[in-house]
Each structure stands twice: as C-alpha cells, then as structure tokens.
C-alpha cells in the first residue's frame, strides 16, 4: 500500500507520518508512507492524507502553489475515488468557502462554509477561542468505518476557532460540544475529514488512522 501525505506548507507533517507508520505497523499493514509536494505521487498512491493547520487561506495557497497538485488531488479523490483523509485545516478545505479574513474558495467537495465560532456557556458567557484541548466525540453506532472500535464520548484533541457551517446533516459523521454542537468529522463516499488532530489524539486517533488504512469505501 502507498500512502501520500500532501505537504501544503503547514501541518504536523512529521507527527502525521509517525502516527500513520505506527498505525500500519500495529495492524501489520505493509505500507509505504511518504510526505510529498510532487503531484504525480498522487496518481500512484492508494490513499491520500491532507493535513493542515493555521489559516484556511494560507493552506489553500500552499496547495495551489504546488504545480499540478490541485488537479491531481481532484483526479485522485473525486474521479479515481481513492480513500482521502483531511485533517484539521485539511478537512476544512473540503467545504465551499473559508470565511477567515475575507472569503477563500475551498475545494467544494461538500456543501458549507468554514465560519467563525461564537461559543457561549449556558449563561451566555463567551467561551475561549480557539477551542483547544480534549473534547468528546458524539456519534451514532456504526456512523462510519473510521469510527469502528470507538465508543461515543471518546476524546480527541482540537485546536480551532472556525467551524463547519451549513453542512448537509447526512455528511456529518461526528460532532463535539463547545457551546453547542460543532462538526468534528464529516464525509461522503471515499472522502472523510476530521476537525480534530488525529495524530495528537492518542489511542483514539491511532484507531481512526488504522481504520483509514483498512477502509475500502
């Protein structure tokens, strides 16, 4: 199995690489996993991961600055239907638009915008932003193969100030609560994204990555 981790110029690339290598080793999966800025690598990859952190616009620019990468990603994920995992801003890029410091076009793979959060406690007091730290995942049993082996309430690690707004409810695989429900995991068909950092989410993240490597959408 060949796994390509796209480097858009931001993201925990080394941590994502180590976490995927650990997941593959523990599951006994023979996988070659590489970070790449080279678009043709997506044509020969079996699975694709897009990490990202920081600003939506910067990650989109980073992706666009890689020659041929946008076209290769569209071809691999949308037409060849290879399993795709977006992590944090890599997940956010799957939406129509990012609304951080202006409007930035997303990949438009799934409907919705990445909008500023305004979380409030029950008494109306603003909650701190970014949402940073461990928070529980709410999902239905058998919500998605990437959640197999996990129970609702499993904790994952979040760092973000923007959240998916206007999602198709059928695409929302898991939510978390931070002053109200927040999309934590979203997907359709062969594409899935996590707002949380799977590579920083301990055994929960490792299980999701193992499931991703074994997933046959």
Protein backbone atom coordinates (compact mmCIF):
# COMPACT_ATOMS: atom_id res chain seq x y z
CA UNK A 1 0.00 0.00 0.00
CA UNK A 2 1.22 3.50 -0.86
CA UNK A 3 0.03 6.46 1.19
CA UNK A 4 0.73 10.04 0.10
CA UNK A 5 0.70 12.82 2.71
CA UNK A 6 0.39 16.14 0.89
CA UNK A 7 2.56 18.96 2.22
CA UNK A 8 0.68 22.26 1.69
CA UNK A 9 3.31 24.18 3.64
CA UNK A 10 1.61 23.84 7.02
CA UNK A 11 0.60 21.00 9.25
CA UNK A 12 2.04 18.48 11.66
CA UNK A 13 3.62 16.52 8.84
CA UNK A 14 6.22 14.63 10.88
CA UNK A 15 3.63 13.75 13.52
CA UNK A 16 1.13 12.60 10.91
CA UNK A 17 3.80 10.49 9.21
CA UNK A 18 4.85 8.87 12.50
CA UNK A 19 1.25 8.22 13.53
CA UNK A 20 0.42 6.55 10.21
CA UNK A 21 3.60 4.47 10.34
CA UNK A 22 2.69 3.40 13.89
CA UNK A 23 -0.86 2.51 12.84
CA UNK A 24 0.38 0.47 9.88
CA UNK A 25 2.97 -1.38 11.98
CA UNK A 26 0.49 -2.23 14.75
CA UNK A 27 -2.05 -3.52 12.22
CA UNK A 28 0.54 -5.50 10.26
CA UNK A 29 -0.09 -3.45 7.11
CA UNK A 30 2.76 -3.28 4.61
CA UNK A 31 2.64 0.40 3.71
CA UNK A 32 4.99 2.91 2.15
CA UNK A 33 4.01 6.28 3.62
CA UNK A 34 5.60 9.48 2.33
CA UNK A 35 5.20 13.22 2.62
CA UNK A 36 5.10 14.78 -0.84
CA UNK A 37 4.89 18.06 -2.73
CA UNK A 38 5.01 16.19 -6.05
CA UNK A 39 1.63 15.93 -7.79
CA UNK A 40 2.37 12.72 -9.77
CA UNK A 41 2.79 10.88 -6.44
CA UNK A 42 -0.98 11.06 -6.02
CA UNK A 43 -1.50 9.15 -9.25
CA UNK A 44 0.37 6.13 -7.90
CA UNK A 45 -0.82 6.41 -4.27
CA UNK A 46 -3.53 4.13 -2.90
CA UNK A 47 -4.59 6.56 -0.16
CA UNK A 48 -4.18 10.29 0.35
CA UNK A 49 -3.92 12.39 3.50
CA UNK A 50 -4.08 16.20 3.60
CA UNK A 51 -3.02 17.71 6.94
CA UNK A 52 -3.20 21.41 7.63
CA UNK A 53 -3.05 23.93 10.43
CA UNK A 54 -3.18 27.70 10.71
CA UNK A 55 -5.20 29.87 8.35
CA UNK A 56 -7.58 28.48 5.73
CA UNK A 57 -6.35 30.89 3.03
CA UNK A 58 -2.68 30.07 3.67
CA UNK A 59 -3.33 26.35 3.36
CA UNK A 60 -5.28 26.85 0.15
CA UNK A 61 -2.47 28.99 -1.28
CA UNK A 62 0.05 26.37 -0.24
CA UNK A 63 -1.90 23.70 -2.08
CA UNK A 64 -2.29 25.88 -5.17
CA UNK A 65 1.43 26.72 -5.18
CA UNK A 66 2.35 23.06 -5.73
CA UNK A 67 2.44 22.56 -9.53
CA UNK A 68 -0.40 20.32 -10.66
CA UNK A 69 -1.39 19.34 -7.10
CA UNK A 70 -4.94 20.67 -7.17
CA UNK A 71 -5.67 18.82 -10.41
CA UNK A 72 -4.02 15.63 -9.14
CA UNK A 73 -5.99 15.80 -5.89
CA UNK A 74 -9.27 16.33 -7.74
CA UNK A 75 -8.47 13.44 -10.05
CA UNK A 76 -7.46 11.06 -7.25
CA UNK A 77 -10.22 11.84 -4.77
CA UNK A 78 -13.15 12.81 -6.99
CA UNK A 79 -12.69 10.67 -10.08
CA UNK A 80 -10.46 7.75 -9.09
CA UNK A 81 -12.24 7.69 -5.70
CA UNK A 82 -9.17 6.89 -3.67
CA UNK A 83 -9.64 6.98 0.11
CA UNK A 84 -8.94 10.53 1.30
CA UNK A 85 -8.49 11.88 4.83
CA UNK A 86 -8.34 15.61 5.58
CA UNK A 87 -7.01 16.62 9.00
CA UNK A 88 -7.89 19.94 10.70
CA UNK A 89 -7.50 22.63 8.01
CA UNK A 90 -7.12 19.79 5.50
CA UNK A 91 -10.68 18.86 6.47
CA UNK A 92 -11.81 22.50 6.34
CA UNK A 93 -10.62 22.85 2.74
CA UNK A 94 -13.24 20.28 1.70
CA UNK A 95 -16.01 22.91 2.11
CA UNK A 96 -17.21 25.58 -0.31
CA UNK A 97 -15.62 28.64 1.27
CA UNK A 98 -13.43 29.76 4.15
CA UNK A 99 -14.61 32.98 5.81
CA UNK A 100 -11.42 33.79 7.69
CA UNK A 101 -10.19 37.35 6.94
CA UNK A 102 -12.24 37.52 3.75
CA UNK A 103 -13.58 34.79 1.50
CA UNK A 104 -11.37 31.99 0.19
CA UNK A 105 -12.63 29.33 -2.18
CA UNK A 106 -12.47 25.80 -0.82
CA UNK A 107 -12.40 22.55 -2.77
CA UNK A 108 -16.24 22.45 -2.77
CA UNK A 109 -16.32 18.71 -2.22
CA UNK A 110 -19.05 19.05 0.42
CA UNK A 111 -21.52 21.92 0.97
CA UNK A 112 -20.95 24.52 3.68
CA UNK A 113 -18.65 27.29 4.82
CA UNK A 114 -15.87 27.46 7.38
CA UNK A 115 -17.25 30.21 9.63
CA UNK A 116 -16.03 31.95 12.80
CA UNK A 117 -17.15 30.28 16.01
CA UNK A 118 -19.07 32.17 18.69
CA UNK A 119 -19.31 29.61 21.50
CA UNK A 120 -21.30 30.53 24.60
CA UNK A 121 -21.76 28.95 28.01
CA UNK A 122 -25.35 28.30 29.12
CA UNK A 123 -25.41 31.71 30.85
CA UNK A 124 -24.34 33.44 27.63
CA UNK A 125 -20.73 33.98 28.66
CA UNK A 126 -18.33 33.70 25.69
CA UNK A 127 -16.11 30.63 25.77
CA UNK A 128 -12.40 30.97 24.96
CA UNK A 129 -11.17 30.68 21.39
CA UNK A 130 -9.52 28.80 19.94
CA UNK A 131 -11.21 25.72 21.25
CA UNK A 132 -8.07 23.99 22.44
CA UNK A 133 -7.75 20.64 24.14
CA UNK A 134 -9.53 17.34 24.55
CA UNK A 135 -13.22 17.03 23.87
CA UNK A 136 -15.64 14.15 23.48
CA UNK A 137 -16.97 12.88 20.16
CA UNK A 138 -20.69 12.36 19.71
CA UNK A 139 -21.70 9.88 17.01
CA UNK A 140 -24.19 7.14 16.32
CA UNK A 141 -23.12 3.50 16.47
CA UNK A 142 -21.91 2.37 13.05
CA UNK A 143 -21.72 6.02 11.95
CA UNK A 144 -18.69 5.35 9.75
CA UNK A 145 -16.00 2.66 9.30
CA UNK A 146 -13.31 5.11 10.52
CA UNK A 147 -15.06 5.17 13.91
CA UNK A 148 -15.20 1.38 14.25
CA UNK A 149 -13.92 0.24 17.62
CA UNK A 150 -14.65 3.58 19.30
CA UNK A 151 -17.47 4.46 21.66
CA UNK A 152 -19.40 7.75 21.75
CA UNK A 153 -17.67 10.06 24.20
CA UNK A 154 -14.17 9.06 23.07
CA UNK A 155 -11.92 12.09 23.39
CA UNK A 156 -9.91 13.74 20.62
CA UNK A 157 -7.63 16.78 20.53
CA UNK A 158 -8.96 20.01 18.99
CA UNK A 159 -7.35 23.37 18.14
CA UNK A 160 -9.57 25.67 16.07
CA UNK A 161 -11.52 28.94 16.00
CA UNK A 162 -13.58 28.22 12.87
CA UNK A 163 -16.16 25.53 12.34
CA UNK A 164 -18.17 24.00 9.50
CA UNK A 165 -21.49 25.83 8.99
CA UNK A 166 -24.29 24.76 6.66
CA UNK A 167 -23.24 21.13 6.32
CA UNK A 168 -25.60 18.56 4.87
CA UNK A 169 -26.68 16.62 8.01
CA UNK A 170 -26.11 13.35 6.16
CA UNK A 171 -22.43 14.26 5.75
CA UNK A 172 -21.85 14.91 9.47
CA UNK A 173 -20.31 11.77 10.98
CA UNK A 174 -19.48 13.07 14.46
CA UNK A 175 -19.88 16.25 16.47
CA UNK A 176 -18.35 17.67 19.62
CA UNK A 177 -19.86 20.12 22.07
CA UNK A 178 -18.33 23.54 22.58
CA UNK A 179 -21.08 26.00 23.37
CA UNK A 180 -23.27 23.87 21.13
CA UNK A 181 -22.68 21.14 18.56
CA UNK A 182 -19.59 21.54 16.36
CA UNK A 183 -18.82 19.37 13.34
CA UNK A 184 -15.94 17.11 14.37
CA UNK A 185 -15.93 14.64 11.49
CA UNK A 186 -17.52 14.88 8.07
CA UNK A 187 -17.50 12.85 4.91
CA UNK A 188 -19.21 11.28 1.96
CA UNK A 189 -18.22 8.31 -0.13
CA UNK A 190 -14.44 7.96 -0.22
CA UNK A 191 -13.65 11.32 1.43
CA UNK A 192 -13.54 12.00 5.17
CA UNK A 193 -12.23 14.87 7.27
CA UNK A 194 -11.60 15.38 10.97
CA UNK A 195 -11.60 18.80 12.62
CA UNK A 196 -9.53 17.30 15.44
CA UNK A 197 -5.90 16.28 15.11
CA UNK A 198 -5.90 12.50 14.80
CA UNK A 199 -2.10 12.48 15.10
CA UNK A 200 -2.37 14.12 18.55
CA UNK A 201 -5.39 12.15 19.77
CA UNK A 202 -3.61 9.18 21.33
CA UNK A 203 -5.24 5.74 21.05
CA UNK A 204 -8.44 7.26 19.59
CA UNK A 205 -6.51 8.89 16.76
CA UNK A 206 -4.44 5.77 16.21
CA UNK A 207 -7.60 3.70 15.87
CA UNK A 208 -9.04 6.13 13.31
CA UNK A 209 -5.82 6.02 11.29
CA UNK A 210 -5.75 2.22 11.39
CA UNK A 211 -9.36 2.16 10.22
CA UNK A 212 -8.43 4.56 7.42
CA UNK A 213 -5.65 2.26 6.24
CA UNK A 214 -8.07 -0.69 6.25
CA UNK A 215 -11.03 1.21 4.81
CA UNK A 216 -12.47 0.05 1.48
CA UNK A 217 -15.10 2.65 0.51
